[in-house]
Amino acid sequence: MNARAAMWLSPARAADPEPHRAQASEDDHTGLSFHSGRFFRRETMRDDPDNTVTPSEQRLLGLRAMRAARARLASRDRALAGLRELGAALRAAGGAG
């Protein structure tokens, strides 16, 4: 048998070894579920400090949203006032009934 045939007929070898997995302590099962002989993190228990919004950041976001809402309302009020002035000018000119 040639080398190519031997390669195809030989048992498969793992290309990559099994990755190292951190072992959970058997005493601490908080936020972990056990399935098929392995521990897995529960997604609902995940605490990621880099992507967690703090109370002070929540206040800033609320303040920013409130300022944006006020700016939108002021812009709409200015547009309505401009339309009223235009309507009054058209009525004075006799263009609109």
C-alpha atoms as a PDB file:
ATOM      1  CA  MET A   1       0.000   0.000   0.000  1.00  0.00           C
ATOM      2  CA  ASN A   2       1.369   3.407  -0.890  1.00  0.00           C
ATOM      3  CA  ALA A   3       1.650   6.366   1.505  1.00  0.00           C
ATOM      4  CA  ARG A   4      -1.447   8.131   0.184  1.00  0.00           C
ATOM      5  CA  ALA A   5      -3.660   5.089   0.638  1.00  0.00           C
ATOM      6  CA  ALA A   6      -2.220   4.546   4.115  1.00  0.00           C
ATOM      7  CA  MET A   7      -3.090   8.156   4.990  1.00  0.00           C
ATOM      8  CA  TRP A   8      -6.708   7.708   3.900  1.00  0.00           C
ATOM      9  CA  LEU A   9      -7.138   4.367   5.609  1.00  0.00           C
ATOM     10  CA  SER A  10      -5.441   5.282   8.893  1.00  0.00           C
ATOM     11  CA  PRO A  11      -7.606   6.324  11.850  1.00  0.00           C
ATOM     12  CA  ALA A  12      -8.354  10.041  12.065  1.00  0.00           C
ATOM     13  CA  ARG A  13      -6.103  12.153  14.233  1.00  0.00           C
ATOM     14  CA  ALA A  14      -7.331  15.195  16.054  1.00  0.00           C
ATOM     15  CA  ALA A  15      -5.983  18.280  14.324  1.00  0.00           C
ATOM     16  CA  ASP A  16      -6.269  20.392  17.458  1.00  0.00           C
ATOM     17  CA  PRO A  17      -5.929  19.101  20.989  1.00  0.00           C
ATOM     18  CA  GLU A  18      -8.827  19.576  23.384  1.00  0.00           C
ATOM     19  CA  PRO A  19      -8.664  23.168  24.731  1.00  0.00           C
ATOM     20  CA  HIS A  20      -7.867  23.651  28.386  1.00  0.00           C
ATOM     21  CA  ARG A  21     -11.054  24.333  30.327  1.00  0.00           C
ATOM     22  CA  ALA A  22     -11.092  25.950  33.717  1.00  0.00           C
ATOM     23  CA  GLN A  23     -12.390  23.603  36.348  1.00  0.00           C
ATOM     24  CA  ALA A  24     -15.132  24.849  38.625  1.00  0.00           C
ATOM     25  CA  SER A  25     -14.958  24.211  42.302  1.00  0.00           C
ATOM     26  CA  GLU A  26     -17.364  21.486  43.319  1.00  0.00           C
ATOM     27  CA  ASP A  27     -18.400  23.517  46.354  1.00  0.00           C
ATOM     28  CA  ASP A  28     -19.386  26.656  44.438  1.00  0.00           C
ATOM     29  CA  HIS A  29     -22.280  26.086  42.029  1.00  0.00           C
ATOM     30  CA  THR A  30     -23.485  29.680  41.939  1.00  0.00           C
ATOM     31  CA  GLY A  31     -24.256  30.699  38.375  1.00  0.00           C
ATOM     32  CA  LEU A  32     -23.278  27.293  36.982  1.00  0.00           C
ATOM     33  CA  SER A  33     -25.283  24.483  35.496  1.00  0.00           C
ATOM     34  CA  PHE A  34     -24.032  20.946  35.061  1.00  0.00           C
ATOM     35  CA  HIS A  35     -24.739  19.025  31.851  1.00  0.00           C
ATOM     36  CA  SER A  36     -23.045  16.062  30.180  1.00  0.00           C
ATOM     37  CA  GLY A  37     -20.260  15.960  32.723  1.00  0.00           C
ATOM     38  CA  ARG A  38     -19.364  19.651  32.336  1.00  0.00           C
ATOM     39  CA  PHE A  39     -20.106  22.878  34.123  1.00  0.00           C
ATOM     40  CA  PHE A  40     -21.528  25.772  32.086  1.00  0.00           C
ATOM     41  CA  ARG A  41     -22.142  29.381  33.070  1.00  0.00           C
ATOM     42  CA  ARG A  42     -25.752  30.479  33.217  1.00  0.00           C
ATOM     43  CA  GLU A  43     -26.152  33.485  30.949  1.00  0.00           C
ATOM     44  CA  THR A  44     -28.630  35.065  33.349  1.00  0.00           C
ATOM     45  CA  MET A  45     -26.013  35.024  36.081  1.00  0.00           C
ATOM     46  CA  ARG A  46     -23.313  36.711  34.014  1.00  0.00           C
ATOM     47  CA  ASP A  47     -21.794  39.827  35.551  1.00  0.00           C
ATOM     48  CA  ASP A  48     -19.634  41.785  33.145  1.00  0.00           C
ATOM     49  CA  PRO A  49     -18.312  44.929  34.850  1.00  0.00           C
ATOM     50  CA  ASP A  50     -17.080  46.371  31.547  1.00  0.00           C
ATOM     51  CA  ASN A  51     -20.587  46.369  30.052  1.00  0.00           C
ATOM     52  CA  THR A  52     -22.687  47.016  33.148  1.00  0.00           C
ATOM     53  CA  VAL A  53     -24.318  50.439  33.451  1.00  0.00           C
ATOM     54  CA  THR A  54     -23.737  52.007  36.860  1.00  0.00           C
ATOM     55  CA  PRO A  55     -26.417  54.097  38.611  1.00  0.00           C
ATOM     56  CA  SER A  56     -24.490  57.317  37.932  1.00  0.00           C
ATOM     57  CA  GLU A  57     -24.291  56.427  34.236  1.00  0.00           C
ATOM     58  CA  GLN A  58     -28.022  55.689  34.245  1.00  0.00           C
ATOM     59  CA  ARG A  59     -28.679  59.170  35.669  1.00  0.00           C
ATOM     60  CA  LEU A  60     -26.494  60.738  32.968  1.00  0.00           C
ATOM     61  CA  LEU A  61     -28.299  58.779  30.261  1.00  0.00           C
ATOM     62  CA  GLY A  62     -31.666  59.890  31.645  1.00  0.00           C
ATOM     63  CA  LEU A  63     -30.500  63.513  31.752  1.00  0.00           C
ATOM     64  CA  ARG A  64     -29.232  63.278  28.170  1.00  0.00           C
ATOM     65  CA  ALA A  65     -32.550  61.798  27.003  1.00  0.00           C
ATOM     66  CA  MET A  66     -34.490  64.542  28.806  1.00  0.00           C
ATOM     67  CA  ARG A  67     -32.355  67.280  27.199  1.00  0.00           C
ATOM     68  CA  ALA A  68     -32.806  65.703  23.771  1.00  0.00           C
ATOM     69  CA  ALA A  69     -36.593  65.571  24.277  1.00  0.00           C
ATOM     70  CA  ARG A  70     -36.643  69.248  25.290  1.00  0.00           C
ATOM     71  CA  ALA A  71     -34.575  70.164  22.220  1.00  0.00           C
ATOM     72  CA  ARG A  72     -37.001  68.262  19.953  1.00  0.00           C
ATOM     73  CA  LEU A  73     -39.998  70.005  21.502  1.00  0.00           C
ATOM     74  CA  ALA A  74     -38.326  73.427  21.180  1.00  0.00           C
ATOM     75  CA  SER A  75     -37.532  72.713  17.526  1.00  0.00           C
ATOM     76  CA  ARG A  76     -41.149  71.751  16.859  1.00  0.00           C
ATOM     77  CA  ASP A  77     -42.386  74.859  18.644  1.00  0.00           C
ATOM     78  CA  ARG A  78     -40.087  77.051  16.517  1.00  0.00           C
ATOM     79  CA  ALA A  79     -41.329  75.335  13.340  1.00  0.00           C
ATOM     80  CA  LEU A  80     -44.975  75.857  14.385  1.00  0.00           C
ATOM     81  CA  ALA A  81     -44.321  79.527  15.198  1.00  0.00           C
ATOM     82  CA  GLY A  82     -42.719  79.970  11.773  1.00  0.00           C
ATOM     83  CA  LEU A  83     -45.735  78.393  10.067  1.00  0.00           C
ATOM     84  CA  ARG A  84     -48.099  80.669  12.015  1.00  0.00           C
ATOM     85  CA  GLU A  85     -46.133  83.737  10.934  1.00  0.00           C
ATOM     86  CA  LEU A  86     -46.189  82.533   7.344  1.00  0.00           C
ATOM     87  CA  GLY A  87     -49.950  81.955   7.509  1.00  0.00           C
ATOM     88  CA  ALA A  88     -50.493  85.424   8.981  1.00  0.00           C
ATOM     89  CA  ALA A  89     -48.352  86.986   6.256  1.00  0.00           C
ATOM     90  CA  LEU A  90     -50.312  85.130   3.544  1.00  0.00           C
ATOM     91  CA  ARG A  91     -53.640  86.223   5.029  1.00  0.00           C
ATOM     92  CA  ALA A  92     -52.415  89.829   5.210  1.00  0.00           C
ATOM     93  CA  ALA A  93     -51.325  89.654   1.577  1.00  0.00           C
ATOM     94  CA  GLY A  94     -54.728  88.268   0.645  1.00  0.00           C
ATOM     95  CA  GLY A  95     -53.388  85.021  -0.742  1.00  0.00           C
ATOM     96  CA  ALA A  96     -55.281  82.700   1.593  1.00  0.00           C
ATOM     97  CA  GLY A  97     -58.923  82.921   2.595  1.00  0.00           C
END
